[in-house]
Every structure is written in structure tokens, then in C-alpha cells.
Amino acid sequence: MSSLVFVYGTLKRGARNHRVMAGQEFVGAARTAPGFRLFALDGFPGMVPWPDDRDGVTGEVWRVDALALQRLDAFEGLAEGLYRREAIPLLAPFAEANVEAYLYARDISGRAEIGSTWQD
């Protein structure tokens, strides 16, 4: 079984942690629906729900197998409560697709707001 995952930071093609996506299928460039924003963490971004956002976040959709999803969950620190994986709305052509993303799960107080695009 495979899943669709939206990545927006260091996992994107050409970014420093893209190796974690090895063997998985790039589906296409994507943007979330409005309502999400990126914040600078410690050398990587965190996406959080942001009701006032009107732009959404840019990234990529990947089709990943079950083993890759487990690897991504470990990489993103789900067990430690760093991120949580949940379904998010994307704009066309992925508006009808069930796509999950890793949302930052900790406090963003004092973190710099990046906006909609992470440059690695």
C-alpha cells in the first residue's frame, strides 16, 4: 500500500535530506490550500496551521510505500512529539487527493516566520 505525502522543506528534491525519499515516486509540485505557514526552526522548517494565511505553502507530493512512511515518521520525530502526520488540503491538481503532511507539533513562540516557501 502507498500513501501520498506533501513535503515542504529539507526532504524536497535537491534539498539536504532528500536521500530519505530514496526509491519513492515524485508525483508533482504542489501548494497547500490557504491556512498554513512555515516557521524557521533549527535549520529546518516547521509547517503549522495559520488561519490568517492567504497563500498556503509550496512543496512536493510524493507517493511513498509503507516502509518509507515508517522511515519518514522516524525522521520527523513523531514518537518524540516533534511533528504529527495528518491529512491536509492541497490546491489543484491535488485538491481531491488524500495527502498527508508533517505539521510541527511544538510551540512556535519566538520562531521566525518564513511564509510559504522554504529555501534549503
N, C-alpha and C. Protein backbone atom coordinates (compact mmCIF):
# COMPACT_ATOMS: atom_id res chain seq x y z
N MET A 1 0.84 -1.19 0.00
CA MET A 1 0.00 0.00 0.00
C MET A 1 0.88 1.25 0.00
N SER A 2 0.44 2.28 -0.71
CA SER A 2 1.21 3.51 -0.75
C SER A 2 0.37 4.67 -0.22
N SER A 3 1.06 5.73 0.14
CA SER A 3 0.44 6.94 0.66
C SER A 3 1.00 8.14 -0.09
N LEU A 4 0.23 9.20 -0.15
CA LEU A 4 0.70 10.46 -0.70
C LEU A 4 1.11 11.37 0.45
N VAL A 5 2.33 11.92 0.32
CA VAL A 5 2.88 12.78 1.37
C VAL A 5 3.34 14.09 0.74
N PHE A 6 2.98 15.19 1.38
CA PHE A 6 3.41 16.53 0.97
C PHE A 6 4.65 16.89 1.78
N VAL A 7 5.75 17.19 1.08
CA VAL A 7 6.97 17.64 1.77
C VAL A 7 7.25 19.08 1.36
N TYR A 8 7.80 19.88 2.27
CA TYR A 8 7.93 21.32 2.04
C TYR A 8 9.27 21.89 2.47
N GLY A 9 10.18 21.04 2.92
CA GLY A 9 11.45 21.56 3.44
C GLY A 9 12.64 20.76 2.98
N THR A 10 13.39 20.22 3.92
CA THR A 10 14.66 19.57 3.62
C THR A 10 14.51 18.23 2.93
N LEU A 11 13.28 17.74 2.74
CA LEU A 11 13.05 16.48 2.02
C LEU A 11 12.80 16.69 0.54
N LYS A 12 12.61 17.93 0.10
CA LYS A 12 12.32 18.20 -1.31
C LYS A 12 13.52 17.83 -2.19
N ARG A 13 13.23 17.65 -3.47
CA ARG A 13 14.29 17.35 -4.45
C ARG A 13 15.38 18.42 -4.37
N GLY A 14 16.63 17.98 -4.31
CA GLY A 14 17.76 18.90 -4.26
C GLY A 14 18.08 19.41 -2.87
N ALA A 15 17.25 19.14 -1.90
CA ALA A 15 17.50 19.61 -0.53
C ALA A 15 18.37 18.60 0.23
N ARG A 16 18.91 19.04 1.35
CA ARG A 16 19.94 18.26 2.03
C ARG A 16 19.50 16.91 2.60
N ASN A 17 18.22 16.73 2.89
CA ASN A 17 17.74 15.44 3.42
C ASN A 17 16.91 14.65 2.42
N HIS A 18 17.02 15.01 1.16
CA HIS A 18 16.22 14.33 0.13
C HIS A 18 16.52 12.83 0.08
N ARG A 19 17.68 12.41 0.53
CA ARG A 19 18.05 10.98 0.50
C ARG A 19 17.03 10.13 1.24
N VAL A 20 16.32 10.71 2.19
CA VAL A 20 15.30 9.96 2.95
C VAL A 20 14.16 9.53 2.01
N MET A 21 13.99 10.22 0.90
CA MET A 21 12.93 9.91 -0.07
C MET A 21 13.38 8.88 -1.11
N ALA A 22 14.58 8.36 -0.99
CA ALA A 22 15.14 7.44 -1.98
C ALA A 22 14.18 6.29 -2.30
N GLY A 23 14.02 6.03 -3.58
CA GLY A 23 13.20 4.93 -4.04
C GLY A 23 11.70 5.22 -4.09
N GLN A 24 11.31 6.44 -3.73
CA GLN A 24 9.90 6.80 -3.74
C GLN A 24 9.58 7.61 -5.00
N GLU A 25 8.31 7.78 -5.30
CA GLU A 25 7.88 8.40 -6.56
C GLU A 25 7.47 9.86 -6.38
N PHE A 26 8.18 10.75 -7.08
CA PHE A 26 7.78 12.15 -7.13
C PHE A 26 6.51 12.24 -7.98
N VAL A 27 5.46 12.85 -7.43
CA VAL A 27 4.20 12.96 -8.15
C VAL A 27 4.06 14.34 -8.78
N GLY A 28 4.45 15.40 -8.04
CA GLY A 28 4.38 16.72 -8.63
C GLY A 28 4.54 17.84 -7.61
N ALA A 29 4.78 19.03 -8.16
CA ALA A 29 4.84 20.23 -7.32
C ALA A 29 3.43 20.54 -6.83
N ALA A 30 3.34 21.11 -5.63
CA ALA A 30 2.02 21.34 -5.04
C ALA A 30 2.05 22.55 -4.12
N ARG A 31 0.85 22.98 -3.75
CA ARG A 31 0.68 24.07 -2.78
C ARG A 31 -0.50 23.70 -1.89
N THR A 32 -0.35 23.95 -0.60
CA THR A 32 -1.48 23.72 0.30
C THR A 32 -2.56 24.76 0.02
N ALA A 33 -3.74 24.45 0.45
CA ALA A 33 -4.79 25.46 0.48
C ALA A 33 -4.33 26.54 1.47
N PRO A 34 -4.87 27.75 1.39
CA PRO A 34 -4.53 28.76 2.39
C PRO A 34 -4.81 28.21 3.79
N GLY A 35 -4.05 28.73 4.75
CA GLY A 35 -4.27 28.32 6.12
C GLY A 35 -3.08 27.64 6.77
N PHE A 36 -1.92 27.69 6.10
CA PHE A 36 -0.70 27.10 6.65
C PHE A 36 0.45 28.09 6.48
N ARG A 37 1.42 28.02 7.39
CA ARG A 37 2.57 28.92 7.34
C ARG A 37 3.80 28.16 7.81
N LEU A 38 4.96 28.55 7.28
CA LEU A 38 6.24 27.95 7.68
C LEU A 38 6.94 28.84 8.69
N PHE A 39 7.60 28.19 9.64
CA PHE A 39 8.43 28.87 10.63
C PHE A 39 9.81 28.24 10.64
N ALA A 40 10.83 29.07 10.86
CA ALA A 40 12.21 28.60 10.92
C ALA A 40 12.45 27.96 12.28
N LEU A 41 12.95 26.74 12.25
CA LEU A 41 13.28 26.04 13.49
C LEU A 41 14.80 26.05 13.61
N ASP A 42 15.43 24.95 13.86
CA ASP A 42 16.89 24.92 13.98
C ASP A 42 17.51 24.35 12.71
N GLY A 43 17.44 25.12 11.63
CA GLY A 43 17.99 24.69 10.35
C GLY A 43 17.01 23.94 9.48
N PHE A 44 15.76 23.92 9.86
CA PHE A 44 14.73 23.25 9.06
C PHE A 44 13.40 23.97 9.34
N PRO A 45 12.42 23.77 8.44
CA PRO A 45 11.14 24.46 8.62
C PRO A 45 10.13 23.61 9.39
N GLY A 46 9.16 24.28 9.95
CA GLY A 46 8.01 23.62 10.54
C GLY A 46 6.76 24.27 9.99
N MET A 47 5.84 23.46 9.47
CA MET A 47 4.58 23.98 8.95
C MET A 47 3.52 23.85 10.04
N VAL A 48 2.77 24.93 10.23
CA VAL A 48 1.70 24.94 11.24
C VAL A 48 0.43 25.50 10.62
N PRO A 49 -0.72 25.08 11.14
CA PRO A 49 -1.97 25.73 10.72
C PRO A 49 -1.91 27.22 11.09
N TRP A 50 -2.35 28.07 10.19
CA TRP A 50 -2.28 29.52 10.39
C TRP A 50 -3.52 30.14 9.76
N PRO A 51 -4.59 30.32 10.53
CA PRO A 51 -5.87 30.76 9.97
C PRO A 51 -5.81 32.03 9.13
N ASP A 52 -4.90 32.95 9.46
CA ASP A 52 -4.83 34.22 8.72
C ASP A 52 -4.09 34.11 7.40
N ASP A 53 -3.46 32.97 7.12
CA ASP A 53 -2.69 32.80 5.88
C ASP A 53 -3.62 32.81 4.67
N ARG A 54 -3.17 33.46 3.62
CA ARG A 54 -3.93 33.51 2.36
C ARG A 54 -3.16 32.87 1.20
N ASP A 55 -1.91 32.42 1.43
CA ASP A 55 -1.07 31.93 0.35
C ASP A 55 -0.88 30.41 0.32
N GLY A 56 -0.91 29.76 1.46
CA GLY A 56 -0.57 28.35 1.51
C GLY A 56 0.94 28.16 1.49
N VAL A 57 1.37 26.92 1.46
CA VAL A 57 2.79 26.55 1.49
C VAL A 57 3.12 25.76 0.24
N THR A 58 4.27 26.05 -0.38
CA THR A 58 4.70 25.32 -1.57
C THR A 58 5.49 24.08 -1.16
N GLY A 59 5.41 23.07 -1.99
CA GLY A 59 6.15 21.84 -1.73
C GLY A 59 5.98 20.84 -2.85
N GLU A 60 6.12 19.58 -2.49
CA GLU A 60 6.05 18.48 -3.45
C GLU A 60 5.20 17.35 -2.88
N VAL A 61 4.51 16.65 -3.77
CA VAL A 61 3.77 15.46 -3.37
C VAL A 61 4.55 14.24 -3.84
N TRP A 62 4.68 13.28 -2.92
CA TRP A 62 5.39 12.03 -3.17
C TRP A 62 4.49 10.85 -2.84
N ARG A 63 4.59 9.81 -3.66
CA ARG A 63 3.93 8.54 -3.35
C ARG A 63 4.98 7.68 -2.65
N VAL A 64 4.68 7.28 -1.42
CA VAL A 64 5.63 6.52 -0.61
C VAL A 64 5.03 5.19 -0.20
N ASP A 65 5.88 4.18 -0.12
CA ASP A 65 5.42 2.87 0.33
C ASP A 65 5.40 2.83 1.86
N ALA A 66 4.88 1.73 2.41
CA ALA A 66 4.70 1.63 3.86
C ALA A 66 6.02 1.72 4.62
N LEU A 67 7.08 1.11 4.10
CA LEU A 67 8.39 1.18 4.77
C LEU A 67 8.94 2.60 4.76
N ALA A 68 8.76 3.30 3.64
CA ALA A 68 9.22 4.69 3.56
C ALA A 68 8.43 5.57 4.52
N LEU A 69 7.14 5.30 4.67
CA LEU A 69 6.33 6.09 5.59
C LEU A 69 6.81 5.89 7.03
N GLN A 70 7.17 4.68 7.38
CA GLN A 70 7.74 4.42 8.72
C GLN A 70 9.06 5.17 8.88
N ARG A 71 9.88 5.15 7.84
CA ARG A 71 11.17 5.86 7.88
C ARG A 71 10.95 7.37 8.03
N LEU A 72 9.96 7.91 7.31
CA LEU A 72 9.65 9.34 7.42
C LEU A 72 9.12 9.69 8.81
N ASP A 73 8.27 8.84 9.35
CA ASP A 73 7.75 9.08 10.71
C ASP A 73 8.89 9.17 11.72
N ALA A 74 9.87 8.27 11.57
CA ALA A 74 11.03 8.29 12.48
C ALA A 74 11.87 9.54 12.24
N PHE A 75 12.11 9.86 10.98
CA PHE A 75 12.91 11.03 10.63
C PHE A 75 12.28 12.31 11.17
N GLU A 76 10.96 12.41 11.08
CA GLU A 76 10.24 13.62 11.51
C GLU A 76 9.98 13.66 13.01
N GLY A 77 10.38 12.64 13.74
CA GLY A 77 10.25 12.66 15.19
C GLY A 77 8.84 12.53 15.72
N LEU A 78 8.00 11.73 15.07
CA LEU A 78 6.64 11.55 15.56
C LEU A 78 6.61 11.00 16.97
N ALA A 79 7.42 10.01 17.25
CA ALA A 79 7.43 9.38 18.58
C ALA A 79 7.83 10.37 19.67
N GLU A 80 8.66 11.35 19.32
CA GLU A 80 9.13 12.36 20.28
C GLU A 80 8.19 13.56 20.35
N GLY A 81 7.15 13.58 19.52
CA GLY A 81 6.21 14.69 19.53
C GLY A 81 6.72 15.94 18.84
N LEU A 82 7.71 15.79 17.95
CA LEU A 82 8.23 16.95 17.22
C LEU A 82 7.26 17.36 16.11
N TYR A 83 6.78 16.38 15.38
CA TYR A 83 5.81 16.60 14.31
C TYR A 83 4.66 15.61 14.50
N ARG A 84 3.56 15.90 13.82
CA ARG A 84 2.45 14.95 13.71
C ARG A 84 2.09 14.86 12.23
N ARG A 85 1.69 13.70 11.79
CA ARG A 85 1.31 13.49 10.39
C ARG A 85 -0.21 13.50 10.30
N GLU A 86 -0.72 14.37 9.41
CA GLU A 86 -2.17 14.42 9.23
C GLU A 86 -2.53 14.86 7.82
N ALA A 87 -3.74 14.53 7.41
CA ALA A 87 -4.24 14.93 6.09
C ALA A 87 -4.40 16.44 6.05
N ILE A 88 -3.99 17.01 4.91
CA ILE A 88 -4.12 18.46 4.72
C ILE A 88 -4.75 18.72 3.35
N PRO A 89 -5.39 19.86 3.19
CA PRO A 89 -5.96 20.20 1.88
C PRO A 89 -4.90 20.83 0.98
N LEU A 90 -4.88 20.39 -0.28
CA LEU A 90 -3.99 20.97 -1.29
C LEU A 90 -4.84 21.58 -2.39
N LEU A 91 -4.22 22.48 -3.14
CA LEU A 91 -4.88 23.06 -4.32
C LEU A 91 -4.75 22.09 -5.49
N ALA A 92 -5.50 22.36 -6.57
CA ALA A 92 -5.44 21.54 -7.78
C ALA A 92 -4.00 21.47 -8.28
N PRO A 93 -3.57 20.35 -8.79
CA PRO A 93 -4.37 19.19 -9.17
C PRO A 93 -4.55 18.15 -8.07
N PHE A 94 -4.20 18.47 -6.85
CA PHE A 94 -4.29 17.50 -5.75
C PHE A 94 -5.46 17.78 -4.81
N ALA A 95 -6.38 18.65 -5.23
CA ALA A 95 -7.47 19.08 -4.34
C ALA A 95 -8.34 17.92 -3.87
N GLU A 96 -8.49 16.89 -4.67
CA GLU A 96 -9.36 15.77 -4.32
C GLU A 96 -8.57 14.60 -3.72
N ALA A 97 -7.26 14.71 -3.67
CA ALA A 97 -6.42 13.60 -3.19
C ALA A 97 -6.31 13.60 -1.67
N ASN A 98 -6.12 12.42 -1.12
CA ASN A 98 -5.88 12.27 0.32
C ASN A 98 -4.36 12.36 0.52
N VAL A 99 -3.88 13.52 0.93
CA VAL A 99 -2.44 13.77 1.08
C VAL A 99 -2.18 14.14 2.53
N GLU A 100 -1.13 13.55 3.09
CA GLU A 100 -0.74 13.85 4.45
C GLU A 100 0.53 14.70 4.46
N ALA A 101 0.73 15.43 5.54
CA ALA A 101 1.93 16.24 5.72
C ALA A 101 2.34 16.16 7.17
N TYR A 102 3.59 16.55 7.41
CA TYR A 102 4.11 16.60 8.78
C TYR A 102 3.98 18.03 9.29
N LEU A 103 3.12 18.20 10.30
CA LEU A 103 2.90 19.50 10.90
C LEU A 103 3.71 19.59 12.19
N TYR A 104 4.35 20.73 12.38
CA TYR A 104 5.15 20.94 13.58
C TYR A 104 4.22 20.92 14.79
N ALA A 105 4.60 20.16 15.82
CA ALA A 105 3.71 19.93 16.95
C ALA A 105 4.11 20.65 18.23
N ARG A 106 5.15 21.46 18.16
CA ARG A 106 5.60 22.15 19.38
C ARG A 106 5.35 23.66 19.26
N ASP A 107 5.67 24.37 20.31
CA ASP A 107 5.44 25.81 20.39
C ASP A 107 6.31 26.56 19.38
N ILE A 108 5.71 27.51 18.67
CA ILE A 108 6.47 28.32 17.71
C ILE A 108 6.79 29.71 18.25
N SER A 109 6.52 29.96 19.51
CA SER A 109 6.84 31.26 20.11
C SER A 109 8.31 31.60 19.91
N GLY A 110 8.57 32.79 19.42
CA GLY A 110 9.94 33.24 19.22
C GLY A 110 10.59 32.74 17.93
N ARG A 111 9.88 31.93 17.16
CA ARG A 111 10.42 31.41 15.90
C ARG A 111 10.12 32.40 14.78
N ALA A 112 11.06 32.51 13.85
CA ALA A 112 10.87 33.43 12.72
C ALA A 112 9.90 32.84 11.72
N GLU A 113 8.98 33.67 11.27
CA GLU A 113 8.03 33.28 10.25
C GLU A 113 8.71 33.33 8.89
N ILE A 114 8.62 32.24 8.14
CA ILE A 114 9.24 32.16 6.81
C ILE A 114 8.24 32.57 5.74
N GLY A 115 7.00 32.19 5.89
CA GLY A 115 6.00 32.45 4.85
C GLY A 115 5.59 31.16 4.19
N SER A 116 5.66 31.13 2.85
CA SER A 116 5.14 29.99 2.11
C SER A 116 6.17 29.06 1.48
N THR A 117 7.44 29.47 1.44
CA THR A 117 8.43 28.65 0.73
C THR A 117 9.72 28.54 1.53
N TRP A 118 10.22 27.31 1.68
CA TRP A 118 11.49 27.05 2.34
C TRP A 118 12.59 26.95 1.28
N GLN A 119 13.66 27.68 1.48
CA GLN A 119 14.83 27.60 0.60
C GLN A 119 15.94 26.91 1.37
N ASP A 120 16.28 25.68 0.99
CA ASP A 120 17.30 24.91 1.69
C ASP A 120 18.69 25.26 1.16
